[in-house]
């Protein structure tokens, strides 16, 4: 070959002899690259166009914490073109609405930390993955009540259903706060019946437990022989 040539382009062209092109230096957009070749008195030109696309950015917000079967949202907050494909990993979520879109409604039927991940494929440009955690809590079980009685007293107790105290109602009266898992009622008449309702307090997303109820009588039961 007796002629010589070189590549002519903008900021993205880093070697005009080898035709090396750096898209990071060029920036987003369509870039014209010309190859100029000269042999003797003749000049030849050819042009190519390099389309540099922006790498999509994966990011999202998710409702946390949630309760089992409570509906939460997962909302895309990153950047991508309308042709970008959002590839979600929702760790076993039930998708209520918006499957494959940028705004989903989801729930989980089990408790625990749910690991969510998003990757975007935007016309062949792949984003870096982004991962976030949603905590799913279980609603407290209703307290399980027991009682021991004498002719004039009843001692109620229940399991440690919660850690924030209890709302206790006696014979349908407005509930009062009790910090322990027991309630002693004295000065009763023999044969009196007392019904209490106990709700375990939970300030988390699931709220208070369902009530546990028990009716006991002020009687002195003999030991079974």
Protein backbone atom coordinates (compact mmCIF):
# COMPACT_ATOMS: atom_id res chain seq x y z
CA UNK A 1 0.00 0.00 0.00
CA UNK A 2 1.51 3.27 -1.08
CA UNK A 3 -1.01 5.64 0.46
CA UNK A 4 -1.65 6.78 4.01
CA UNK A 5 -4.68 7.67 6.04
CA UNK A 6 -5.98 8.79 9.41
CA UNK A 7 -9.15 8.95 11.43
CA UNK A 8 -10.72 12.34 12.03
CA UNK A 9 -13.26 12.84 14.78
CA UNK A 10 -14.19 14.68 17.93
CA UNK A 11 -13.18 14.30 21.58
CA UNK A 12 -13.88 10.57 21.63
CA UNK A 13 -11.17 9.73 19.10
CA UNK A 14 -8.05 8.91 21.14
CA UNK A 15 -5.78 7.55 18.36
CA UNK A 16 -6.15 8.89 14.83
CA UNK A 17 -3.99 6.12 13.34
CA UNK A 18 -5.58 3.08 15.00
CA UNK A 19 -9.06 4.62 15.15
CA UNK A 20 -9.49 4.08 18.90
CA UNK A 21 -12.70 5.64 20.23
CA UNK A 22 -13.56 6.26 23.90
CA UNK A 23 -17.33 6.71 24.45
CA UNK A 24 -16.77 8.12 27.94
CA UNK A 25 -14.73 10.98 26.47
CA UNK A 26 -17.11 11.49 23.58
CA UNK A 27 -20.22 11.80 25.72
CA UNK A 28 -23.82 10.94 24.91
CA UNK A 29 -24.93 11.59 21.35
CA UNK A 30 -24.18 10.71 17.73
CA UNK A 31 -20.55 11.26 16.73
CA UNK A 32 -19.27 11.55 13.17
CA UNK A 33 -15.98 9.77 12.52
CA UNK A 34 -14.27 10.26 9.15
CA UNK A 35 -11.48 8.18 7.69
CA UNK A 36 -9.31 10.14 5.28
CA UNK A 37 -7.05 8.23 2.88
CA UNK A 38 -4.63 9.73 0.38
CA UNK A 39 -2.85 7.85 -2.37
CA UNK A 40 -0.71 9.89 -4.72
CA UNK A 41 -2.85 12.81 -5.82
CA UNK A 42 -6.15 11.17 -4.87
CA UNK A 43 -8.04 11.68 -1.60
CA UNK A 44 -10.70 9.26 -0.35
CA UNK A 45 -13.12 9.66 2.53
CA UNK A 46 -15.53 7.43 4.38
CA UNK A 47 -17.77 8.33 7.28
CA UNK A 48 -19.26 6.32 10.11
CA UNK A 49 -21.53 7.46 12.92
CA UNK A 50 -21.11 6.22 16.47
CA UNK A 51 -24.18 6.44 18.69
CA UNK A 52 -23.23 6.75 22.37
CA UNK A 53 -26.10 6.12 24.74
CA UNK A 54 -26.31 6.99 28.42
CA UNK A 55 -25.94 4.12 30.84
CA UNK A 56 -29.23 3.74 32.72
CA UNK A 57 -29.21 4.31 36.46
CA UNK A 58 -31.10 1.80 38.57
CA UNK A 59 -32.67 3.14 41.76
CA UNK A 60 -35.99 2.77 43.56
CA UNK A 61 -37.90 3.44 46.77
CA UNK A 62 -39.80 0.73 48.63
CA UNK A 63 -42.25 0.85 51.54
CA UNK A 64 -40.67 -0.58 54.70
CA UNK A 65 -41.50 -1.96 57.17
CA UNK A 66 -44.66 -3.81 56.20
CA UNK A 67 -46.92 -6.36 57.84
CA UNK A 68 -47.64 -9.77 56.30
CA UNK A 69 -50.12 -9.33 53.39
CA UNK A 70 -50.02 -5.53 53.72
CA UNK A 71 -49.74 -3.72 50.39
CA UNK A 72 -46.65 -1.61 49.83
CA UNK A 73 -45.17 0.23 46.84
CA UNK A 74 -41.95 -0.23 44.91
CA UNK A 75 -41.31 2.87 42.79
CA UNK A 76 -38.57 3.37 40.20
CA UNK A 77 -36.58 6.57 40.80
CA UNK A 78 -33.61 6.04 38.45
CA UNK A 79 -33.11 7.09 34.83
CA UNK A 80 -33.72 5.20 31.59
CA UNK A 81 -35.36 5.74 28.22
CA UNK A 82 -38.91 4.63 27.51
CA UNK A 83 -37.45 1.52 25.86
CA UNK A 84 -35.57 0.52 29.00
CA UNK A 85 -36.51 -2.86 30.47
CA UNK A 86 -36.75 -2.91 34.27
CA UNK A 87 -35.68 -6.33 35.53
CA UNK A 88 -36.96 -6.70 39.09
CA UNK A 89 -36.08 -9.35 41.67
CA UNK A 90 -38.70 -8.96 44.40
CA UNK A 91 -37.80 -11.93 46.62
CA UNK A 92 -41.09 -13.79 46.37
CA UNK A 93 -43.44 -10.81 46.48
CA UNK A 94 -47.06 -11.08 45.39
CA UNK A 95 -47.39 -8.45 42.64
CA UNK A 96 -50.79 -6.82 43.06
CA UNK A 97 -50.42 -4.34 40.21
CA UNK A 98 -47.82 -2.90 37.86
CA UNK A 99 -45.87 -6.05 36.92
CA UNK A 100 -42.75 -5.09 34.94
CA UNK A 101 -43.41 -1.36 35.25
CA UNK A 102 -41.83 1.49 37.18
CA UNK A 103 -44.51 1.59 39.89
CA UNK A 104 -45.57 -1.64 41.56
CA UNK A 105 -47.88 -2.62 44.40
CA UNK A 106 -46.63 -5.68 46.25
CA UNK A 107 -47.11 -7.76 49.39
CA UNK A 108 -45.46 -10.75 51.06
CA UNK A 109 -47.16 -13.69 52.77
CA UNK A 110 -44.16 -14.47 55.00
CA UNK A 111 -42.18 -12.39 57.45
CA UNK A 112 -38.49 -11.52 57.37
CA UNK A 113 -36.07 -9.32 55.45
CA UNK A 114 -36.90 -9.28 51.72
CA UNK A 115 -33.96 -8.53 49.40
CA UNK A 116 -35.03 -6.49 46.36
CA UNK A 117 -32.83 -5.86 43.32
CA UNK A 118 -33.21 -3.92 40.08
CA UNK A 119 -31.17 -4.04 36.86
CA UNK A 120 -32.05 -2.09 33.69
CA UNK A 121 -31.42 -3.15 30.09
CA UNK A 122 -31.79 0.01 28.00
CA UNK A 123 -31.19 -0.84 24.33
CA UNK A 124 -28.27 -3.07 25.30
CA UNK A 125 -26.85 -0.68 27.89
CA UNK A 126 -26.94 -2.44 31.26
CA UNK A 127 -27.13 -0.55 34.53
CA UNK A 128 -25.26 -1.37 37.68
CA UNK A 129 -27.53 -3.36 40.01
CA UNK A 130 -29.17 -1.69 43.00
CA UNK A 131 -30.37 -3.65 46.03
CA UNK A 132 -32.53 -2.66 48.99
CA UNK A 133 -34.19 -4.49 51.90
CA UNK A 134 -37.86 -4.47 52.93
CA UNK A 135 -38.67 -5.74 56.43
CA UNK A 136 -41.91 -7.70 56.73
CA UNK A 137 -43.26 -8.20 60.25
CA UNK A 138 -45.78 -10.68 61.62
CA UNK A 139 -48.80 -9.50 63.59
CA UNK A 140 -48.68 -10.43 67.24
CA UNK A 141 -50.78 -13.46 68.15
CA UNK A 142 -53.68 -12.97 70.54
CA UNK A 143 -52.58 -13.52 74.16
CA UNK A 144 -53.41 -16.93 75.66
CA UNK A 145 -55.05 -16.47 79.07
CA UNK A 146 -55.19 -18.62 82.21
CA UNK A 147 -56.62 -18.06 85.66
CA UNK A 148 -56.43 -19.33 89.25
CA UNK A 149 -59.19 -18.51 91.71
CA UNK A 150 -60.19 -18.59 95.36
CA UNK A 151 -63.56 -17.84 96.92
CA UNK A 152 -62.80 -14.11 96.84
CA UNK A 153 -60.13 -13.58 94.19
CA UNK A 154 -59.11 -14.41 90.65
CA UNK A 155 -55.55 -14.22 89.36
CA UNK A 156 -55.36 -13.89 85.58
CA UNK A 157 -52.15 -14.43 83.64
CA UNK A 158 -51.19 -14.71 79.99
CA UNK A 159 -48.21 -15.54 77.84
CA UNK A 160 -45.63 -12.89 76.89
CA UNK A 161 -47.33 -12.02 73.60
CA UNK A 162 -45.70 -8.61 73.32
CA UNK A 163 -42.97 -6.37 74.71
CA UNK A 164 -44.75 -3.00 74.87
CA UNK A 165 -47.43 -3.80 77.43
CA UNK A 166 -51.11 -4.73 77.24
CA UNK A 167 -54.56 -3.18 77.10
CA UNK A 168 -56.79 -5.00 79.57
CA UNK A 169 -60.57 -4.67 79.78
CA UNK A 170 -62.49 -6.12 82.75
CA UNK A 171 -66.14 -7.03 82.22
CA UNK A 172 -66.40 -4.75 79.17
CA UNK A 173 -65.02 -1.63 80.89
CA UNK A 174 -62.70 0.69 78.92
CA UNK A 175 -59.26 -0.89 78.66
CA UNK A 176 -56.39 0.17 80.89
CA UNK A 177 -52.67 -0.22 80.34
CA UNK A 178 -50.93 -3.09 82.12
CA UNK A 179 -47.17 -3.44 81.84
CA UNK A 180 -46.93 -7.03 83.09
CA UNK A 181 -48.60 -10.24 81.92
CA UNK A 182 -50.84 -10.72 84.97
CA UNK A 183 -53.81 -9.18 86.75
CA UNK A 184 -55.01 -9.98 90.29
CA UNK A 185 -58.59 -9.17 91.28
CA UNK A 186 -59.37 -9.21 95.00
CA UNK A 187 -62.41 -8.72 97.26
CA UNK A 188 -64.80 -10.62 95.02
CA UNK A 189 -67.97 -12.35 96.12
CA UNK A 190 -67.98 -16.12 95.95
CA UNK A 191 -69.34 -17.18 92.58
CA UNK A 192 -68.62 -13.88 90.87
CA UNK A 193 -67.68 -14.21 87.20
CA UNK A 194 -65.10 -11.97 85.62
CA UNK A 195 -64.35 -11.71 81.91
CA UNK A 196 -61.17 -9.98 80.79
CA UNK A 197 -59.95 -9.10 77.33
CA UNK A 198 -56.22 -8.64 76.74
CA UNK A 199 -54.62 -6.99 73.69
CA UNK A 200 -50.85 -6.98 73.20
CA UNK A 201 -49.58 -3.53 72.19
CA UNK A 202 -47.35 -3.25 69.10
CA UNK A 203 -46.30 0.11 67.68
CA UNK A 204 -44.92 -1.56 64.55
CA UNK A 205 -46.58 -1.73 61.12
CA UNK A 206 -48.85 -4.61 62.10
CA UNK A 207 -50.46 -2.81 65.02
CA UNK A 208 -51.88 -4.38 68.15
CA UNK A 209 -52.80 -8.05 68.44
CA UNK A 210 -56.30 -9.42 68.31
CA UNK A 211 -57.83 -9.73 71.80
CA UNK A 212 -57.53 -12.81 73.96
CA UNK A 213 -60.52 -13.37 76.25
CA UNK A 214 -61.28 -15.56 79.26
CA UNK A 215 -64.10 -15.82 81.82
CA UNK A 216 -63.30 -17.16 85.30
CA UNK A 217 -65.28 -17.57 88.55
CA UNK A 218 -64.41 -16.83 92.16
CA UNK A 219 -64.61 -20.40 93.45
CA UNK A 220 -62.31 -22.63 95.38
CA UNK A 221 -61.91 -25.78 93.31
CA UNK A 222 -60.78 -28.83 95.26
CA UNK A 223 -57.79 -30.76 94.05
CA UNK A 224 -58.66 -33.76 91.95
CA UNK A 225 -57.72 -36.95 93.82
